[in-house]
Amino acid sequence: MTTTITVEGMSCEHCEQTVEEALHDVDGITNATANHEAKEVSIDGDADTSELVQAVENAGYTANV
């Protein structure tokens, strides 16, 4: 299952990497690809949306489904 969430606050490739790493730490996630220009991250795997949002916010960004 692929989920796309909006992420506010990413401004560079380092930000993308930070968000991707935070999401890879969530159980059930097989891949996460962030795009700071589109302000989105695409996530593959079986995880609850609230867990995904929480992981992004714990990394210092604002996330919306």
PDB file of N, CA and C in Angstrom:
ATOM      1  N   MET A   1       0.839  -1.172   0.000  1.00  0.00           N
ATOM      2  CA  MET A   1       0.000   0.000   0.000  1.00  0.00           C
ATOM      3  C   MET A   1       0.890   1.244   0.000  1.00  0.00           C
ATOM      4  N   THR A   2       0.565   2.206  -0.837  1.00  0.00           N
ATOM      5  CA  THR A   2       1.324   3.453  -0.911  1.00  0.00           C
ATOM      6  C   THR A   2       0.480   4.589  -0.338  1.00  0.00           C
ATOM      7  N   THR A   3       1.092   5.353   0.529  1.00  0.00           N
ATOM      8  CA  THR A   3       0.450   6.510   1.150  1.00  0.00           C
ATOM      9  C   THR A   3       1.277   7.738   0.829  1.00  0.00           C
ATOM     10  N   THR A   4       0.610   8.826   0.486  1.00  0.00           N
ATOM     11  CA  THR A   4       1.299  10.094   0.239  1.00  0.00           C
ATOM     12  C   THR A   4       0.817  11.099   1.272  1.00  0.00           C
ATOM     13  N   ILE A   5       1.776  11.732   1.936  1.00  0.00           N
ATOM     14  CA  ILE A   5       1.419  12.773   2.890  1.00  0.00           C
ATOM     15  C   ILE A   5       2.163  14.063   2.542  1.00  0.00           C
ATOM     16  N   THR A   6       1.567  15.173   2.897  1.00  0.00           N
ATOM     17  CA  THR A   6       2.156  16.489   2.689  1.00  0.00           C
ATOM     18  C   THR A   6       3.059  16.808   3.868  1.00  0.00           C
ATOM     19  N   VAL A   7       4.252  17.324   3.559  1.00  0.00           N
ATOM     20  CA  VAL A   7       5.212  17.669   4.608  1.00  0.00           C
ATOM     21  C   VAL A   7       5.636  19.119   4.424  1.00  0.00           C
ATOM     22  N   GLU A   8       5.371  19.928   5.429  1.00  0.00           N
ATOM     23  CA  GLU A   8       5.775  21.335   5.419  1.00  0.00           C
ATOM     24  C   GLU A   8       7.107  21.465   6.146  1.00  0.00           C
ATOM     25  N   GLY A   9       7.978  22.308   5.616  1.00  0.00           N
ATOM     26  CA  GLY A   9       9.239  22.600   6.281  1.00  0.00           C
ATOM     27  C   GLY A   9      10.463  22.010   5.619  1.00  0.00           C
ATOM     28  N   MET A  10      10.275  21.112   4.640  1.00  0.00           N
ATOM     29  CA  MET A  10      11.432  20.578   3.915  1.00  0.00           C
ATOM     30  C   MET A  10      11.891  21.627   2.917  1.00  0.00           C
ATOM     31  N   SER A  11      13.209  21.920   2.920  1.00  0.00           N
ATOM     32  CA  SER A  11      13.704  22.937   1.997  1.00  0.00           C
ATOM     33  C   SER A  11      14.897  22.475   1.160  1.00  0.00           C
ATOM     34  N   CYS A  12      15.352  21.236   1.405  1.00  0.00           N
ATOM     35  CA  CYS A  12      16.532  20.766   0.681  1.00  0.00           C
ATOM     36  C   CYS A  12      16.585  19.237   0.684  1.00  0.00           C
ATOM     37  N   GLU A  13      17.609  18.699   0.023  1.00  0.00           N
ATOM     38  CA  GLU A  13      17.766  17.249  -0.049  1.00  0.00           C
ATOM     39  C   GLU A  13      18.083  16.647   1.318  1.00  0.00           C
ATOM     40  N   HIS A  14      18.778  17.393   2.160  1.00  0.00           N
ATOM     41  CA  HIS A  14      19.053  16.899   3.511  1.00  0.00           C
ATOM     42  C   HIS A  14      17.746  16.724   4.285  1.00  0.00           C
ATOM     43  N   CYS A  15      16.823  17.640   4.109  1.00  0.00           N
ATOM     44  CA  CYS A  15      15.514  17.531   4.745  1.00  0.00           C
ATOM     45  C   CYS A  15      14.799  16.272   4.260  1.00  0.00           C
ATOM     46  N   GLU A  16      14.857  16.025   2.958  1.00  0.00           N
ATOM     47  CA  GLU A  16      14.250  14.817   2.400  1.00  0.00           C
ATOM     48  C   GLU A  16      14.820  13.575   3.067  1.00  0.00           C
ATOM     49  N   GLN A  17      16.134  13.532   3.208  1.00  0.00           N
ATOM     50  CA  GLN A  17      16.801  12.385   3.815  1.00  0.00           C
ATOM     51  C   GLN A  17      16.367  12.207   5.269  1.00  0.00           C
ATOM     52  N   THR A  18      16.240  13.295   5.997  1.00  0.00           N
ATOM     53  CA  THR A  18      15.816  13.234   7.397  1.00  0.00           C
ATOM     54  C   THR A  18      14.415  12.637   7.512  1.00  0.00           C
ATOM     55  N   VAL A  19      13.503  13.084   6.658  1.00  0.00           N
ATOM     56  CA  VAL A  19      12.127  12.584   6.673  1.00  0.00           C
ATOM     57  C   VAL A  19      12.101  11.104   6.282  1.00  0.00           C
ATOM     58  N   GLU A  20      12.842  10.745   5.242  1.00  0.00           N
ATOM     59  CA  GLU A  20      12.883   9.353   4.797  1.00  0.00           C
ATOM     60  C   GLU A  20      13.414   8.438   5.900  1.00  0.00           C
ATOM     61  N   GLU A  21      14.481   8.854   6.559  1.00  0.00           N
ATOM     62  CA  GLU A  21      15.061   8.045   7.639  1.00  0.00           C
ATOM     63  C   GLU A  21      14.086   7.898   8.803  1.00  0.00           C
ATOM     64  N   ALA A  22      13.380   8.954   9.135  1.00  0.00           N
ATOM     65  CA  ALA A  22      12.396   8.886  10.224  1.00  0.00           C
ATOM     66  C   ALA A  22      11.298   7.880   9.892  1.00  0.00           C
ATOM     67  N   LEU A  23      10.879   7.859   8.649  1.00  0.00           N
ATOM     68  CA  LEU A  23       9.810   6.944   8.243  1.00  0.00           C
ATOM     69  C   LEU A  23      10.298   5.508   8.142  1.00  0.00           C
ATOM     70  N   HIS A  24      11.541   5.306   7.761  1.00  0.00           N
ATOM     71  CA  HIS A  24      12.088   3.948   7.683  1.00  0.00           C
ATOM     72  C   HIS A  24      12.152   3.299   9.061  1.00  0.00           C
ATOM     73  N   ASP A  25      12.149   4.102  10.127  1.00  0.00           N
ATOM     74  CA  ASP A  25      12.168   3.578  11.486  1.00  0.00           C
ATOM     75  C   ASP A  25      10.798   3.072  11.943  1.00  0.00           C
ATOM     76  N   VAL A  26       9.743   3.377  11.178  1.00  0.00           N
ATOM     77  CA  VAL A  26       8.395   2.921  11.522  1.00  0.00           C
ATOM     78  C   VAL A  26       8.238   1.475  11.051  1.00  0.00           C
ATOM     79  N   ASP A  27       7.774   0.618  11.947  1.00  0.00           N
ATOM     80  CA  ASP A  27       7.561  -0.792  11.597  1.00  0.00           C
ATOM     81  C   ASP A  27       6.585  -0.916  10.438  1.00  0.00           C
ATOM     82  N   GLY A  28       6.933  -1.769   9.481  1.00  0.00           N
ATOM     83  CA  GLY A  28       6.063  -2.045   8.354  1.00  0.00           C
ATOM     84  C   GLY A  28       6.339  -1.212   7.124  1.00  0.00           C
ATOM     85  N   ILE A  29       7.244  -0.239   7.217  1.00  0.00           N
ATOM     86  CA  ILE A  29       7.563   0.626   6.070  1.00  0.00           C
ATOM     87  C   ILE A  29       8.670  -0.026   5.252  1.00  0.00           C
ATOM     88  N   THR A  30       8.423  -0.173   3.953  1.00  0.00           N
ATOM     89  CA  THR A  30       9.424  -0.765   3.067  1.00  0.00           C
ATOM     90  C   THR A  30      10.178   0.278   2.267  1.00  0.00           C
ATOM     91  N   ASN A  31       9.562   1.456   2.048  1.00  0.00           N
ATOM     92  CA  ASN A  31      10.232   2.512   1.292  1.00  0.00           C
ATOM     93  C   ASN A  31       9.560   3.850   1.579  1.00  0.00           C
ATOM     94  N   ALA A  32      10.357   4.903   1.577  1.00  0.00           N
ATOM     95  CA  ALA A  32       9.838   6.265   1.720  1.00  0.00           C
ATOM     96  C   ALA A  32      10.653   7.167   0.807  1.00  0.00           C
ATOM     97  N   THR A  33       9.959   7.947  -0.015  1.00  0.00           N
ATOM     98  CA  THR A  33      10.621   8.850  -0.949  1.00  0.00           C
ATOM     99  C   THR A  33      10.041  10.247  -0.782  1.00  0.00           C
ATOM    100  N   ALA A  34      10.878  11.165  -0.301  1.00  0.00           N
ATOM    101  CA  ALA A  34      10.441  12.544  -0.062  1.00  0.00           C
ATOM    102  C   ALA A  34      10.860  13.443  -1.214  1.00  0.00           C
ATOM    103  N   ASN A  35      10.058  14.486  -1.441  1.00  0.00           N
ATOM    104  CA  ASN A  35      10.350  15.475  -2.472  1.00  0.00           C
ATOM    105  C   ASN A  35      10.066  16.847  -1.868  1.00  0.00           C
ATOM    106  N   HIS A  36      11.148  17.600  -1.565  1.00  0.00           N
ATOM    107  CA  HIS A  36      10.951  18.892  -0.904  1.00  0.00           C
ATOM    108  C   HIS A  36      10.276  19.910  -1.810  1.00  0.00           C
ATOM    109  N   GLU A  37      10.471  19.817  -3.117  1.00  0.00           N
ATOM    110  CA  GLU A  37       9.845  20.772  -4.031  1.00  0.00           C
ATOM    111  C   GLU A  37       8.330  20.564  -4.099  1.00  0.00           C
ATOM    112  N   ALA A  38       7.898  19.314  -4.056  1.00  0.00           N
ATOM    113  CA  ALA A  38       6.466  19.005  -4.085  1.00  0.00           C
ATOM    114  C   ALA A  38       5.851  19.028  -2.688  1.00  0.00           C
ATOM    115  N   LYS A  39       6.707  19.101  -1.662  1.00  0.00           N
ATOM    116  CA  LYS A  39       6.269  19.079  -0.263  1.00  0.00           C
ATOM    117  C   LYS A  39       5.494  17.812   0.048  1.00  0.00           C
ATOM    118  N   GLU A  40       5.970  16.676  -0.477  1.00  0.00           N
ATOM    119  CA  GLU A  40       5.302  15.406  -0.278  1.00  0.00           C
ATOM    120  C   GLU A  40       6.301  14.299   0.025  1.00  0.00           C
ATOM    121  N   VAL A  41       5.783  13.251   0.653  1.00  0.00           N
ATOM    122  CA  VAL A  41       6.549  12.023   0.816  1.00  0.00           C
ATOM    123  C   VAL A  41       5.620  10.864   0.478  1.00  0.00           C
ATOM    124  N   SER A  42       6.136   9.944  -0.320  1.00  0.00           N
ATOM    125  CA  SER A  42       5.402   8.750  -0.721  1.00  0.00           C
ATOM    126  C   SER A  42       5.960   7.584   0.080  1.00  0.00           C
ATOM    127  N   ILE A  43       5.062   6.847   0.737  1.00  0.00           N
ATOM    128  CA  ILE A  43       5.481   5.806   1.665  1.00  0.00           C
ATOM    129  C   ILE A  43       4.854   4.476   1.276  1.00  0.00           C
ATOM    130  N   ASP A  44       5.673   3.447   1.149  1.00  0.00           N
ATOM    131  CA  ASP A  44       5.200   2.101   0.855  1.00  0.00           C
ATOM    132  C   ASP A  44       5.279   1.263   2.120  1.00  0.00           C
ATOM    133  N   GLY A  45       4.218   0.502   2.368  1.00  0.00           N
ATOM    134  CA  GLY A  45       4.226  -0.397   3.510  1.00  0.00           C
ATOM    135  C   GLY A  45       2.908  -0.388   4.256  1.00  0.00           C
ATOM    136  N   ASP A  46       2.888  -1.163   5.321  1.00  0.00           N
ATOM    137  CA  ASP A  46       1.693  -1.289   6.153  1.00  0.00           C
ATOM    138  C   ASP A  46       1.930  -0.628   7.496  1.00  0.00           C
ATOM    139  N   ALA A  47       1.561   0.609   7.606  1.00  0.00           N
ATOM    140  CA  ALA A  47       1.653   1.331   8.875  1.00  0.00           C
ATOM    141  C   ALA A  47       0.456   2.266   8.965  1.00  0.00           C
ATOM    142  N   ASP A  48       0.026   2.508  10.164  1.00  0.00           N
ATOM    143  CA  ASP A  48      -1.090   3.403  10.400  1.00  0.00           C
ATOM    144  C   ASP A  48      -0.688   4.833  10.030  1.00  0.00           C
ATOM    145  N   THR A  49      -1.581   5.547   9.400  1.00  0.00           N
ATOM    146  CA  THR A  49      -1.292   6.914   8.962  1.00  0.00           C
ATOM    147  C   THR A  49      -0.865   7.804  10.129  1.00  0.00           C
ATOM    148  N   SER A  50      -1.476   7.606  11.277  1.00  0.00           N
ATOM    149  CA  SER A  50      -1.117   8.431  12.426  1.00  0.00           C
ATOM    150  C   SER A  50       0.330   8.189  12.856  1.00  0.00           C
ATOM    151  N   GLU A  51       0.825   6.959  12.690  1.00  0.00           N
ATOM    152  CA  GLU A  51       2.229   6.662  12.999  1.00  0.00           C
ATOM    153  C   GLU A  51       3.163   7.386  12.037  1.00  0.00           C
ATOM    154  N   LEU A  52       2.757   7.459  10.766  1.00  0.00           N
ATOM    155  CA  LEU A  52       3.568   8.141   9.757  1.00  0.00           C
ATOM    156  C   LEU A  52       3.654   9.632  10.060  1.00  0.00           C
ATOM    157  N   VAL A  53       2.516  10.229  10.355  1.00  0.00           N
ATOM    158  CA  VAL A  53       2.473  11.656  10.683  1.00  0.00           C
ATOM    159  C   VAL A  53       3.320  11.927  11.918  1.00  0.00           C
ATOM    160  N   GLN A  54       3.205  11.081  12.924  1.00  0.00           N
ATOM    161  CA  GLN A  54       3.960  11.266  14.162  1.00  0.00           C
ATOM    162  C   GLN A  54       5.463  11.172  13.907  1.00  0.00           C
ATOM    163  N   ALA A  55       5.892  10.232  13.067  1.00  0.00           N
ATOM    164  CA  ALA A  55       7.318  10.076  12.759  1.00  0.00           C
ATOM    165  C   ALA A  55       7.864  11.324  12.078  1.00  0.00           C
ATOM    166  N   VAL A  56       7.099  11.880  11.145  1.00  0.00           N
ATOM    167  CA  VAL A  56       7.536  13.099  10.449  1.00  0.00           C
ATOM    168  C   VAL A  56       7.596  14.268  11.419  1.00  0.00           C
ATOM    169  N   GLU A  57       6.598  14.383  12.266  1.00  0.00           N
ATOM    170  CA  GLU A  57       6.578  15.489  13.223  1.00  0.00           C
ATOM    171  C   GLU A  57       7.688  15.352  14.257  1.00  0.00           C
ATOM    172  N   ASN A  58       8.010  14.123  14.649  1.00  0.00           N
ATOM    173  CA  ASN A  58       9.119  13.914  15.586  1.00  0.00           C
ATOM    174  C   ASN A  58      10.453  14.300  14.957  1.00  0.00           C
ATOM    175  N   ALA A  59      10.521  14.269  13.623  1.00  0.00           N
ATOM    176  CA  ALA A  59      11.731  14.672  12.907  1.00  0.00           C
ATOM    177  C   ALA A  59      11.826  16.182  12.753  1.00  0.00           C
ATOM    178  N   GLY A  60      10.761  16.906  13.161  1.00  0.00           N
ATOM    179  CA  GLY A  60      10.812  18.363  13.141  1.00  0.00           C
ATOM    180  C   GLY A  60      10.041  19.026  12.013  1.00  0.00           C
ATOM    181  N   TYR A  61       9.166  18.297  11.356  1.00  0.00           N
ATOM    182  CA  TYR A  61       8.403  18.834  10.232  1.00  0.00           C
ATOM    183  C   TYR A  61       6.909  18.728  10.537  1.00  0.00           C
ATOM    184  N   THR A  62       6.101  19.409   9.759  1.00  0.00           N
ATOM    185  CA  THR A  62       4.655  19.336   9.894  1.00  0.00           C
ATOM    186  C   THR A  62       4.115  18.430   8.806  1.00  0.00           C
ATOM    187  N   ALA A  63       3.280  17.465   9.197  1.00  0.00           N
ATOM    188  CA  ALA A  63       2.741  16.492   8.237  1.00  0.00           C
ATOM    189  C   ALA A  63       1.229  16.535   8.230  1.00  0.00           C
ATOM    190  N   ASN A  64       0.659  16.381   7.038  1.00  0.00           N
ATOM    191  CA  ASN A  64      -0.795  16.321   6.858  1.00  0.00           C
ATOM    192  C   ASN A  64      -1.117  15.229   5.854  1.00  0.00           C
ATOM    193  N   VAL A  65      -2.211  14.531   6.124  1.00  0.00           N
ATOM    194  CA  VAL A  65      -2.626  13.455   5.216  1.00  0.00           C
ATOM    195  C   VAL A  65      -3.454  14.031   4.111  1.00  0.00           C
TER     196      VAL A  65
END
